[in-house]
Amino acid sequence: MTNEDYEMIEAYMNNELTGDDLQQFQQRLSADEEFAKEVNLYGFINDNMKTSIQHQTQRQQLNKTLTQLGNQHFKIQKEKSKIVSFNRFKWLAAAAAVFAIIISVYLLTNQNQLSSQQLYTEHAKYNSISFERGNTDSALLIPVKFYNSKNYAAAIPFFETYLKQYPANTEIALTLNICRIETGLYDNAINGLDSIIAKQNAFLYQAQWLKALAYLKQDKKEECKNILEQIPPEADTYAEAQSLLKRLK
């Protein structure tokens, strides 16, 4: 590893790489396993340093706050109360109620007129990944950080490298395909989800739901509806799939 390598890694961690530099860096991450390990290690050390500094800053802020509270302990400030006219309050309440009714009617009238992208945004609710302390795989620290901050493009090469070593980790495979959907790599996402669906395991229905969302994001409504209709009542995603299906009909 050269000084230039470490400068590139630092720029990548700070989201400062763009264009060809970013593409070449991500390609190297996927192709060079040793380089990927170095990037993970660098990120791990960097995060721990930031955490240490943050804790020190928090302690300093706490001391400052306690000092201020001590200085103000015997100092009582009287605030002037604001009197709101009862009639004005009633008028504002009535206006708010009428406005709420208008909005409700508008939403009910127009809920079926949303675009595919709007429907996708409404239904694509991806939870952050969290690990129990002590059970975190160090190889996942950096991609999970990128994923949780919605930097999906940066997370992809790390997840791909991880799955080359641990192809049986279906949960990470689902996460990778979420990143692909979010970054427009639809064919890769659908192929990856089809592989999960073919296994008929515990992640089957989640993979079907994500595949439907991948089609929806591309405005392929018929393909999306076809997948939604395959999700059975016992699936955790059934209620949401039926809700989306009604919006598409």
Protein backbone atom coordinates (compact mmCIF):
# COMPACT_ATOMS: atom_id res chain seq x y z
CA MET A 1 0.00 0.00 0.00
CA THR A 2 1.34 3.41 -1.00
CA ASN A 3 0.65 6.86 0.40
CA GLU A 4 -1.47 7.50 -2.69
CA ASP A 5 -3.55 4.41 -1.85
CA TYR A 6 -4.27 5.71 1.63
CA GLU A 7 -5.13 9.14 0.28
CA MET A 8 -7.63 7.50 -2.10
CA ILE A 9 -9.12 5.44 0.74
CA GLU A 10 -9.54 8.53 2.91
CA ALA A 11 -11.19 10.40 0.04
CA TYR A 12 -13.52 7.43 -0.51
CA MET A 13 -14.50 7.31 3.17
CA ASN A 14 -15.32 11.03 3.03
CA ASN A 15 -17.42 10.59 -0.15
CA GLU A 16 -15.00 12.82 -2.07
CA LEU A 17 -14.34 10.45 -4.99
CA THR A 18 -16.41 11.03 -8.12
CA GLY A 19 -16.57 9.99 -11.76
CA ASP A 20 -13.79 7.77 -13.09
CA ASP A 21 -11.86 7.85 -9.80
CA LEU A 22 -14.84 6.44 -7.91
CA GLN A 23 -15.51 3.79 -10.56
CA GLN A 24 -11.87 2.66 -10.62
CA PHE A 25 -11.78 2.52 -6.82
CA GLN A 26 -14.95 0.38 -6.65
CA GLN A 27 -13.63 -1.94 -9.36
CA ARG A 28 -10.43 -2.44 -7.39
CA LEU A 29 -12.49 -3.20 -4.27
CA SER A 30 -14.31 -5.97 -6.10
CA ALA A 31 -11.21 -7.44 -7.76
CA ASP A 32 -8.54 -7.04 -5.06
CA GLU A 33 -9.42 -8.89 -1.86
CA GLU A 34 -6.34 -7.65 0.03
CA PHE A 35 -7.13 -4.06 -0.90
CA ALA A 36 -10.72 -4.51 0.32
CA LYS A 37 -9.42 -5.79 3.66
CA GLU A 38 -7.15 -2.75 3.96
CA VAL A 39 -10.11 -0.44 3.28
CA ASN A 40 -12.19 -2.21 5.92
CA LEU A 41 -9.37 -1.98 8.45
CA TYR A 42 -8.80 1.70 7.69
CA GLY A 43 -12.51 2.41 8.13
CA PHE A 44 -12.65 0.44 11.37
CA ILE A 45 -9.73 2.37 12.88
CA ASN A 46 -11.10 5.68 11.60
CA ASP A 47 -14.53 5.02 13.14
CA ASN A 48 -13.03 4.12 16.51
CA MET A 49 -10.94 7.28 16.52
CA LYS A 50 -14.00 9.38 15.72
CA THR A 51 -15.96 7.64 18.50
CA SER A 52 -13.18 8.34 21.00
CA ILE A 53 -13.04 12.02 20.02
CA GLN A 54 -16.83 12.25 20.14
CA HIS A 55 -16.93 10.82 23.68
CA GLN A 56 -14.26 13.31 24.80
CA THR A 57 -16.26 16.19 23.28
CA GLN A 58 -19.42 14.95 24.99
CA ARG A 59 -17.65 14.87 28.37
CA GLN A 60 -16.38 18.40 27.85
CA GLN A 61 -19.87 19.57 26.89
CA LEU A 62 -21.33 17.87 29.96
CA ASN A 63 -18.85 19.62 32.24
CA LYS A 64 -19.68 22.95 30.60
CA THR A 65 -23.41 22.36 31.04
CA LEU A 66 -23.03 21.41 34.71
CA THR A 67 -21.00 24.56 35.31
CA GLN A 68 -23.66 26.71 33.66
CA LEU A 69 -26.40 25.05 35.70
CA GLY A 70 -24.45 25.69 38.88
CA ASN A 71 -24.04 29.37 38.00
CA GLN A 72 -27.74 29.72 37.27
CA HIS A 73 -29.01 27.72 40.24
CA PHE A 74 -30.07 30.80 42.24
CA LYS A 75 -30.95 32.93 39.25
CA ILE A 76 -34.67 32.86 38.47
CA GLN A 77 -35.97 34.42 35.34
CA LYS A 78 -39.59 35.38 34.99
CA GLU A 79 -41.08 34.94 31.58
CA LYS A 80 -43.96 36.99 30.38
CA SER A 81 -46.95 34.82 29.64
CA LYS A 82 -48.76 35.21 26.37
CA ILE A 83 -52.52 35.34 26.51
CA VAL A 84 -54.29 34.00 23.47
CA SER A 85 -57.82 35.18 22.87
CA PHE A 86 -60.31 32.33 23.32
CA ASN A 87 -62.28 33.47 20.28
CA ARG A 88 -59.12 33.52 18.18
CA PHE A 89 -58.26 30.01 19.40
CA LYS A 90 -61.70 28.74 18.36
CA TRP A 91 -61.34 30.35 14.93
CA LEU A 92 -57.90 28.74 14.39
CA ALA A 93 -59.19 25.33 15.52
CA ALA A 94 -62.13 25.52 13.12
CA ALA A 95 -59.88 26.58 10.24
CA ALA A 96 -57.50 23.69 10.99
CA ALA A 97 -60.39 21.20 11.00
CA VAL A 98 -61.68 22.43 7.63
CA PHE A 99 -58.17 22.29 6.17
CA ALA A 100 -57.72 18.71 7.44
CA ILE A 101 -61.00 17.65 5.79
CA ILE A 102 -59.96 19.22 2.47
CA ILE A 103 -56.58 17.45 2.56
CA SER A 104 -58.21 14.10 3.44
CA VAL A 105 -60.67 14.36 0.55
CA TYR A 106 -57.86 15.31 -1.82
CA LEU A 107 -55.71 12.37 -0.75
CA LEU A 108 -58.57 9.89 -1.04
CA THR A 109 -59.41 11.20 -4.50
CA ASN A 110 -55.85 11.19 -5.80
CA GLN A 111 -54.22 8.21 -4.06
CA ASN A 112 -54.67 6.01 -7.11
CA GLN A 113 -53.14 8.62 -9.42
CA LEU A 114 -49.62 8.45 -7.99
CA SER A 115 -46.78 7.68 -10.37
CA SER A 116 -44.83 4.43 -10.12
CA GLN A 117 -41.89 6.31 -8.60
CA GLN A 118 -44.15 7.89 -5.97
CA LEU A 119 -45.64 4.49 -5.12
CA TYR A 120 -42.16 3.02 -4.89
CA THR A 121 -41.05 5.76 -2.50
CA GLU A 122 -44.15 5.16 -0.39
CA HIS A 123 -43.68 1.38 -0.12
CA ALA A 124 -39.90 0.96 -0.23
CA LYS A 125 -39.17 1.27 3.47
CA TYR A 126 -35.77 -0.27 4.12
CA ASN A 127 -34.72 -0.64 7.74
CA SER A 128 -31.21 0.08 8.94
CA ILE A 129 -28.96 -2.85 9.77
CA SER A 130 -27.82 -3.25 13.36
CA PHE A 131 -25.60 -5.79 15.07
CA GLU A 132 -25.40 -6.91 18.68
CA ARG A 133 -22.19 -5.75 20.30
CA GLY A 134 -19.50 -8.37 19.90
CA ASN A 135 -21.26 -10.15 17.05
CA THR A 136 -20.24 -7.82 14.24
CA ASP A 137 -18.30 -9.30 11.34
CA SER A 138 -15.48 -6.81 10.74
CA ALA A 139 -15.82 -7.30 6.98
CA LEU A 140 -19.34 -5.83 7.20
CA LEU A 141 -18.55 -2.72 9.24
CA ILE A 142 -17.89 -0.44 6.28
CA PRO A 143 -20.66 -1.62 3.91
CA VAL A 144 -23.24 -1.52 6.70
CA LYS A 145 -22.16 2.01 7.55
CA PHE A 146 -22.59 3.01 3.89
CA TYR A 147 -25.95 1.20 3.66
CA ASN A 148 -27.37 2.79 6.80
CA SER A 149 -26.38 6.23 5.52
CA LYS A 150 -28.09 5.41 2.17
CA ASN A 151 -24.78 5.52 0.29
CA TYR A 152 -25.84 2.41 -1.62
CA ALA A 153 -23.36 2.71 -4.49
CA ALA A 154 -20.43 2.70 -2.08
CA ALA A 155 -21.80 -0.33 -0.20
CA ILE A 156 -22.24 -2.57 -3.27
CA PRO A 157 -18.61 -3.63 -3.93
CA PHE A 158 -18.09 -4.45 -0.24
CA PHE A 159 -21.22 -6.63 -0.08
CA GLU A 160 -20.25 -8.33 -3.35
CA THR A 161 -16.77 -9.11 -1.98
CA TYR A 162 -18.27 -10.45 1.24
CA LEU A 163 -20.71 -12.73 -0.59
CA LYS A 164 -17.89 -14.24 -2.62
CA GLN A 165 -16.56 -15.60 0.66
CA TYR A 166 -19.92 -16.26 2.32
CA PRO A 167 -22.43 -17.00 -0.48
CA ALA A 168 -24.89 -18.66 1.92
CA ASN A 169 -25.61 -15.41 3.77
CA THR A 170 -29.02 -14.71 2.27
CA GLU A 171 -29.73 -11.72 4.48
CA ILE A 172 -26.69 -9.89 3.10
CA ALA A 173 -27.67 -10.99 -0.41
CA LEU A 174 -31.06 -9.30 0.09
CA THR A 175 -29.33 -6.17 1.35
CA LEU A 176 -27.04 -6.15 -1.69
CA ASN A 177 -30.04 -6.34 -4.01
CA ILE A 178 -31.73 -3.45 -2.20
CA CYS A 179 -28.59 -1.42 -2.97
CA ARG A 180 -28.80 -2.49 -6.61
CA ILE A 181 -32.46 -1.46 -6.87
CA GLU A 182 -31.74 1.91 -5.29
CA THR A 183 -28.86 2.57 -7.71
CA GLY A 184 -30.71 1.45 -10.84
CA LEU A 185 -28.91 -1.89 -11.33
CA TYR A 186 -32.24 -3.57 -11.95
CA ASP A 187 -31.11 -6.58 -14.00
CA ASN A 188 -28.48 -7.50 -11.42
CA ALA A 189 -31.02 -7.06 -8.64
CA ILE A 190 -33.69 -9.20 -10.28
CA ASN A 191 -31.18 -11.94 -11.11
CA GLY A 192 -29.95 -11.93 -7.53
CA LEU A 193 -33.49 -12.03 -6.14
CA ASP A 194 -34.44 -14.87 -8.50
CA SER A 195 -31.55 -16.88 -7.06
CA ILE A 196 -32.95 -16.35 -3.56
CA ILE A 197 -36.50 -17.17 -4.65
CA ALA A 198 -35.29 -20.41 -6.22
CA LYS A 199 -33.96 -21.58 -2.84
CA GLN A 200 -37.50 -21.52 -1.37
CA ASN A 201 -36.12 -20.62 2.07
CA ALA A 202 -37.27 -18.28 4.84
CA PHE A 203 -36.40 -15.24 2.72
CA LEU A 204 -38.63 -16.25 -0.21
CA TYR A 205 -41.45 -13.76 0.39
CA GLN A 206 -39.10 -10.88 1.16
CA ALA A 207 -37.27 -11.58 -2.10
CA GLN A 208 -40.58 -11.61 -4.00
CA TRP A 209 -41.57 -8.28 -2.43
CA LEU A 210 -38.26 -6.71 -3.39
CA LYS A 211 -38.55 -8.06 -6.93
CA ALA A 212 -42.00 -6.46 -7.22
CA LEU A 213 -40.53 -3.14 -6.02
CA ALA A 214 -37.73 -3.44 -8.57
CA TYR A 215 -40.30 -3.69 -11.35
CA LEU A 216 -42.37 -0.87 -9.86
CA LYS A 217 -39.38 1.47 -9.76
CA GLN A 218 -38.94 0.82 -13.50
CA ASP A 219 -42.64 1.58 -14.13
CA LYS A 220 -43.22 -2.05 -15.18
CA LYS A 221 -46.60 -2.28 -13.52
CA GLU A 222 -47.79 -5.53 -15.08
CA GLU A 223 -44.64 -7.39 -14.04
CA CYS A 224 -44.97 -5.84 -10.59
CA LYS A 225 -48.60 -6.97 -10.24
CA ASN A 226 -47.71 -10.46 -11.40
CA ILE A 227 -45.17 -10.84 -8.59
CA LEU A 228 -47.47 -9.30 -5.97
CA GLU A 229 -50.21 -11.81 -6.85
CA GLN A 230 -47.78 -14.65 -6.07
CA ILE A 231 -47.28 -13.55 -2.46
CA PRO A 232 -49.52 -15.80 -0.28
CA PRO A 233 -51.59 -14.77 2.78
CA GLU A 234 -49.13 -16.37 5.22
CA ALA A 235 -46.32 -14.07 4.06
CA ASP A 236 -45.23 -11.19 6.29
CA THR A 237 -45.38 -8.94 3.23
CA TYR A 238 -48.89 -10.03 2.19
CA ALA A 239 -50.82 -7.05 3.61
CA GLU A 240 -48.51 -4.51 2.03
CA ALA A 241 -48.46 -6.45 -1.24
CA GLN A 242 -52.27 -6.40 -1.37
CA SER A 243 -52.33 -2.69 -0.56
CA LEU A 244 -49.95 -1.94 -3.42
CA LEU A 245 -51.82 -4.28 -5.75
CA LYS A 246 -55.06 -2.33 -5.17
CA ARG A 247 -53.29 0.92 -5.98
CA LEU A 248 -52.06 -0.51 -9.27
CA LYS A 249 -55.43 -1.82 -10.47
